[in-house]
Amino acid sequence: MVTANTGGNNITLLLGNGSGGLTPSFSTGAGANPIDVVAGDLDRDGVLDLVVAKSTGQDLELLRGTGTSFVTQTGVRRPLDAHPAGARRLPTATDGPTSWS
């Protein structure tokens, strides 16, 4: 589970503990004013990554999954023409059995 914390300039994550519950929450930086988060295995390494939309920027920020945490991928930002209102991941033809919409 992940929440975007606009006032805190971070996101809060609760990961599965493998027994049907959640681990204690932890926060990580996500750029200025995050408003929405999308998860997906964007680099096809078998680990979920996060894309963060920010209300005051004109870009999306990638947080690469490590398996135990997420790290900001320096220099990996996608410029946009306007301020995003949210983020969505659409399935592609190359998505495997773990695809979602």
N, C-alpha and C. Protein backbone atom coordinates (compact mmCIF):
# COMPACT_ATOMS: atom_id res chain seq x y z
N MET A 1 0.86 -1.14 0.00
CA MET A 1 0.00 0.00 0.00
C MET A 1 0.92 1.22 0.00
N VAL A 2 0.52 2.26 -0.76
CA VAL A 2 1.34 3.47 -0.83
C VAL A 2 0.44 4.69 -0.85
N THR A 3 0.86 5.74 -0.15
CA THR A 3 0.13 7.01 -0.16
C THR A 3 1.08 8.12 -0.56
N ALA A 4 0.56 9.10 -1.29
CA ALA A 4 1.32 10.30 -1.64
C ALA A 4 1.03 11.36 -0.58
N ASN A 5 2.06 11.92 0.02
CA ASN A 5 1.93 12.91 1.08
C ASN A 5 2.38 14.28 0.57
N THR A 6 1.45 15.01 -0.01
CA THR A 6 1.76 16.28 -0.65
C THR A 6 2.49 17.23 0.27
N GLY A 7 2.00 17.43 1.49
CA GLY A 7 2.63 18.36 2.41
C GLY A 7 3.98 17.92 2.93
N GLY A 8 4.23 16.61 2.91
CA GLY A 8 5.49 16.09 3.42
C GLY A 8 6.54 15.86 2.35
N ASN A 9 6.19 16.07 1.08
CA ASN A 9 7.11 15.84 -0.04
C ASN A 9 7.69 14.42 -0.02
N ASN A 10 6.83 13.45 0.36
CA ASN A 10 7.28 12.07 0.38
C ASN A 10 6.10 11.14 0.12
N ILE A 11 6.40 9.86 0.06
CA ILE A 11 5.35 8.84 -0.02
C ILE A 11 5.55 7.89 1.15
N THR A 12 4.45 7.32 1.63
CA THR A 12 4.51 6.35 2.72
C THR A 12 4.13 4.99 2.16
N LEU A 13 4.91 3.98 2.53
CA LEU A 13 4.69 2.62 2.04
C LEU A 13 4.46 1.66 3.19
N LEU A 14 3.57 0.70 2.96
CA LEU A 14 3.36 -0.43 3.85
C LEU A 14 3.49 -1.66 2.97
N LEU A 15 4.50 -2.46 3.20
CA LEU A 15 4.76 -3.63 2.37
C LEU A 15 4.16 -4.88 3.00
N GLY A 16 3.85 -5.87 2.19
CA GLY A 16 3.35 -7.14 2.69
C GLY A 16 4.41 -7.87 3.49
N ASN A 17 3.98 -8.55 4.56
CA ASN A 17 4.94 -9.27 5.40
C ASN A 17 5.04 -10.76 5.08
N GLY A 18 4.30 -11.22 4.08
CA GLY A 18 4.34 -12.62 3.68
C GLY A 18 3.39 -13.50 4.46
N SER A 19 2.72 -12.94 5.48
CA SER A 19 1.78 -13.71 6.29
C SER A 19 0.37 -13.14 6.24
N GLY A 20 0.11 -12.32 5.23
CA GLY A 20 -1.20 -11.71 5.09
C GLY A 20 -1.35 -10.37 5.78
N GLY A 21 -0.29 -9.88 6.38
CA GLY A 21 -0.32 -8.59 7.07
C GLY A 21 0.61 -7.59 6.39
N LEU A 22 0.80 -6.47 7.06
CA LEU A 22 1.65 -5.41 6.53
C LEU A 22 2.80 -5.12 7.49
N THR A 23 3.93 -4.73 6.93
CA THR A 23 5.06 -4.30 7.74
C THR A 23 4.80 -2.90 8.27
N PRO A 24 5.55 -2.45 9.28
CA PRO A 24 5.41 -1.05 9.71
C PRO A 24 5.69 -0.11 8.54
N SER A 25 5.01 1.03 8.54
CA SER A 25 5.16 1.97 7.43
C SER A 25 6.53 2.64 7.47
N PHE A 26 6.98 3.04 6.28
CA PHE A 26 8.18 3.87 6.17
C PHE A 26 7.95 4.86 5.04
N SER A 27 8.64 5.99 5.12
CA SER A 27 8.49 7.03 4.11
C SER A 27 9.79 7.21 3.35
N THR A 28 9.66 7.65 2.11
CA THR A 28 10.82 7.95 1.29
C THR A 28 10.53 9.19 0.46
N GLY A 29 11.55 9.97 0.15
CA GLY A 29 11.38 11.18 -0.63
C GLY A 29 10.82 10.89 -2.00
N ALA A 30 9.99 11.82 -2.49
CA ALA A 30 9.36 11.62 -3.79
C ALA A 30 9.27 12.92 -4.58
N GLY A 31 10.10 13.89 -4.28
CA GLY A 31 10.02 15.17 -4.97
C GLY A 31 8.97 16.06 -4.34
N ALA A 32 8.85 17.25 -4.86
CA ALA A 32 7.94 18.25 -4.29
C ALA A 32 6.49 17.95 -4.62
N ASN A 33 5.65 17.94 -3.60
CA ASN A 33 4.20 17.85 -3.72
C ASN A 33 3.69 16.65 -4.52
N PRO A 34 4.02 15.43 -4.09
CA PRO A 34 3.49 14.25 -4.80
C PRO A 34 1.98 14.16 -4.61
N ILE A 35 1.26 13.82 -5.69
CA ILE A 35 -0.20 13.71 -5.59
C ILE A 35 -0.73 12.33 -5.96
N ASP A 36 0.06 11.53 -6.66
CA ASP A 36 -0.42 10.23 -7.10
C ASP A 36 0.77 9.31 -7.33
N VAL A 37 0.55 8.01 -7.12
CA VAL A 37 1.62 7.01 -7.28
C VAL A 37 1.06 5.81 -8.04
N VAL A 38 1.84 5.29 -8.97
CA VAL A 38 1.49 4.09 -9.72
C VAL A 38 2.63 3.10 -9.56
N ALA A 39 2.29 1.82 -9.35
CA ALA A 39 3.29 0.77 -9.22
C ALA A 39 3.26 -0.14 -10.44
N GLY A 40 4.41 -0.60 -10.83
CA GLY A 40 4.53 -1.55 -11.94
C GLY A 40 5.99 -1.93 -12.12
N ASP A 41 6.24 -3.07 -12.71
CA ASP A 41 7.61 -3.50 -12.98
C ASP A 41 8.06 -2.86 -14.29
N LEU A 42 8.48 -1.62 -14.20
CA LEU A 42 8.76 -0.82 -15.40
C LEU A 42 10.05 -1.23 -16.10
N ASP A 43 11.02 -1.75 -15.37
CA ASP A 43 12.28 -2.15 -16.00
C ASP A 43 12.39 -3.67 -16.16
N ARG A 44 11.29 -4.38 -15.91
CA ARG A 44 11.16 -5.82 -16.13
C ARG A 44 12.24 -6.64 -15.42
N ASP A 45 12.56 -6.23 -14.17
CA ASP A 45 13.53 -6.98 -13.37
C ASP A 45 12.85 -7.85 -12.31
N GLY A 46 11.51 -7.91 -12.33
CA GLY A 46 10.78 -8.72 -11.37
C GLY A 46 10.47 -8.01 -10.07
N VAL A 47 10.82 -6.73 -9.96
CA VAL A 47 10.60 -5.96 -8.74
C VAL A 47 9.74 -4.74 -9.09
N LEU A 48 8.73 -4.45 -8.26
CA LEU A 48 7.88 -3.29 -8.53
C LEU A 48 8.65 -1.98 -8.44
N ASP A 49 8.34 -1.07 -9.35
CA ASP A 49 8.86 0.29 -9.35
C ASP A 49 7.68 1.23 -9.14
N LEU A 50 7.96 2.48 -8.79
CA LEU A 50 6.90 3.47 -8.56
C LEU A 50 7.11 4.67 -9.46
N VAL A 51 6.02 5.21 -9.99
CA VAL A 51 6.04 6.48 -10.72
C VAL A 51 5.20 7.46 -9.91
N VAL A 52 5.77 8.63 -9.65
CA VAL A 52 5.11 9.63 -8.81
C VAL A 52 4.78 10.86 -9.66
N ALA A 53 3.50 11.26 -9.63
CA ALA A 53 3.07 12.51 -10.26
C ALA A 53 3.10 13.59 -9.18
N LYS A 54 3.61 14.77 -9.54
CA LYS A 54 3.75 15.87 -8.58
C LYS A 54 2.92 17.07 -9.04
N SER A 55 2.19 17.67 -8.11
CA SER A 55 1.26 18.74 -8.48
C SER A 55 1.96 20.03 -8.87
N THR A 56 3.17 20.26 -8.42
CA THR A 56 3.84 21.52 -8.73
C THR A 56 4.92 21.39 -9.80
N GLY A 57 5.18 20.19 -10.25
CA GLY A 57 6.19 20.00 -11.28
C GLY A 57 5.54 19.71 -12.61
N GLN A 58 6.32 19.69 -13.62
CA GLN A 58 5.83 19.31 -14.94
C GLN A 58 6.58 18.07 -15.39
N ASP A 59 6.68 17.11 -14.46
CA ASP A 59 7.35 15.86 -14.77
C ASP A 59 6.83 14.74 -13.88
N LEU A 60 7.22 13.52 -14.21
CA LEU A 60 6.95 12.34 -13.40
C LEU A 60 8.28 11.85 -12.87
N GLU A 61 8.29 11.35 -11.64
CA GLU A 61 9.54 10.86 -11.04
C GLU A 61 9.47 9.35 -10.87
N LEU A 62 10.57 8.66 -11.19
CA LEU A 62 10.66 7.21 -11.07
C LEU A 62 11.40 6.86 -9.78
N LEU A 63 10.80 5.98 -8.98
CA LEU A 63 11.47 5.39 -7.83
C LEU A 63 11.64 3.91 -8.14
N ARG A 64 12.87 3.49 -8.28
CA ARG A 64 13.16 2.11 -8.70
C ARG A 64 13.11 1.19 -7.49
N GLY A 65 12.39 0.09 -7.63
CA GLY A 65 12.29 -0.90 -6.57
C GLY A 65 13.56 -1.72 -6.45
N THR A 66 13.97 -1.99 -5.19
CA THR A 66 15.16 -2.81 -4.94
C THR A 66 14.79 -4.18 -4.40
N GLY A 67 13.51 -4.37 -4.06
CA GLY A 67 13.07 -5.60 -3.42
C GLY A 67 12.78 -5.39 -1.95
N THR A 68 13.47 -4.42 -1.34
CA THR A 68 13.23 -4.10 0.07
C THR A 68 12.93 -2.63 0.28
N SER A 69 13.16 -1.81 -0.73
CA SER A 69 12.93 -0.37 -0.62
C SER A 69 12.78 0.20 -2.03
N PHE A 70 12.73 1.53 -2.10
CA PHE A 70 12.65 2.23 -3.38
C PHE A 70 13.67 3.36 -3.37
N VAL A 71 14.37 3.55 -4.47
CA VAL A 71 15.36 4.61 -4.57
C VAL A 71 15.02 5.52 -5.75
N THR A 72 15.21 6.82 -5.55
CA THR A 72 14.99 7.77 -6.63
C THR A 72 16.00 7.51 -7.72
N GLN A 73 15.52 7.37 -8.93
CA GLN A 73 16.38 7.13 -10.07
C GLN A 73 16.84 8.48 -10.60
N THR A 74 18.02 8.92 -10.21
CA THR A 74 18.54 10.23 -10.58
C THR A 74 18.57 10.39 -12.09
N GLY A 75 18.04 11.51 -12.54
CA GLY A 75 18.06 11.83 -13.96
C GLY A 75 16.95 11.16 -14.76
N VAL A 76 16.11 10.35 -14.12
CA VAL A 76 15.01 9.70 -14.84
C VAL A 76 13.73 10.43 -14.50
N ARG A 77 13.47 11.48 -15.24
CA ARG A 77 12.23 12.23 -15.10
C ARG A 77 11.68 12.44 -16.49
N ARG A 78 10.39 12.39 -16.61
CA ARG A 78 9.74 12.58 -17.90
C ARG A 78 9.03 13.93 -17.90
N PRO A 79 9.51 14.88 -18.70
CA PRO A 79 8.86 16.19 -18.75
C PRO A 79 7.47 16.10 -19.38
N LEU A 80 6.57 16.95 -18.89
CA LEU A 80 5.20 17.00 -19.38
C LEU A 80 4.89 18.43 -19.81
N ASP A 81 3.85 18.59 -20.61
CA ASP A 81 3.44 19.92 -21.06
C ASP A 81 2.69 20.70 -19.99
N ALA A 82 2.10 20.01 -19.03
CA ALA A 82 1.29 20.67 -18.00
C ALA A 82 1.47 19.93 -16.68
N HIS A 83 0.96 20.50 -15.61
CA HIS A 83 1.04 19.86 -14.30
C HIS A 83 0.12 18.65 -14.27
N PRO A 84 0.64 17.49 -13.85
CA PRO A 84 -0.20 16.29 -13.86
C PRO A 84 -1.26 16.33 -12.76
N ALA A 85 -2.39 15.71 -13.04
CA ALA A 85 -3.45 15.58 -12.05
C ALA A 85 -3.43 14.18 -11.44
N GLY A 86 -2.61 13.28 -12.01
CA GLY A 86 -2.52 11.92 -11.51
C GLY A 86 -1.66 11.10 -12.44
N ALA A 87 -1.56 9.81 -12.13
CA ALA A 87 -0.76 8.90 -12.94
C ALA A 87 -1.52 7.58 -13.09
N ARG A 88 -1.39 6.94 -14.24
CA ARG A 88 -1.99 5.64 -14.48
C ARG A 88 -1.03 4.83 -15.34
N ARG A 89 -1.02 3.52 -15.11
CA ARG A 89 -0.23 2.62 -15.95
C ARG A 89 -1.19 1.80 -16.78
N LEU A 90 -0.96 1.77 -18.05
CA LEU A 90 -1.80 0.99 -18.95
C LEU A 90 -1.05 -0.26 -19.37
N PRO A 91 -1.73 -1.40 -19.45
CA PRO A 91 -1.05 -2.63 -19.87
C PRO A 91 -0.64 -2.52 -21.34
N THR A 92 0.46 -3.19 -21.66
CA THR A 92 0.94 -3.21 -23.04
C THR A 92 0.93 -4.63 -23.55
N ALA A 93 1.15 -4.78 -24.85
CA ALA A 93 1.14 -6.11 -25.47
C ALA A 93 2.28 -6.98 -24.95
N THR A 94 3.35 -6.37 -24.38
CA THR A 94 4.49 -7.15 -23.90
C THR A 94 4.36 -7.51 -22.43
N ASP A 95 3.29 -7.08 -21.75
CA ASP A 95 3.09 -7.45 -20.35
C ASP A 95 2.88 -8.96 -20.25
N GLY A 96 3.48 -9.55 -19.23
CA GLY A 96 3.33 -10.97 -19.00
C GLY A 96 2.13 -11.27 -18.13
N PRO A 97 2.13 -12.42 -17.48
CA PRO A 97 0.98 -12.84 -16.68
C PRO A 97 0.74 -11.97 -15.45
N THR A 98 1.69 -11.09 -15.09
CA THR A 98 1.48 -10.23 -13.92
C THR A 98 0.91 -8.87 -14.31
N SER A 99 0.47 -8.72 -15.55
CA SER A 99 -0.05 -7.42 -15.99
C SER A 99 -1.32 -7.06 -15.23
N TRP A 100 -1.57 -5.81 -15.08
CA TRP A 100 -2.75 -5.30 -14.39
C TRP A 100 -3.19 -4.01 -15.04
N SER A 101 -4.39 -3.57 -14.79
CA SER A 101 -4.86 -2.30 -15.36
C SER A 101 -5.56 -1.50 -14.31
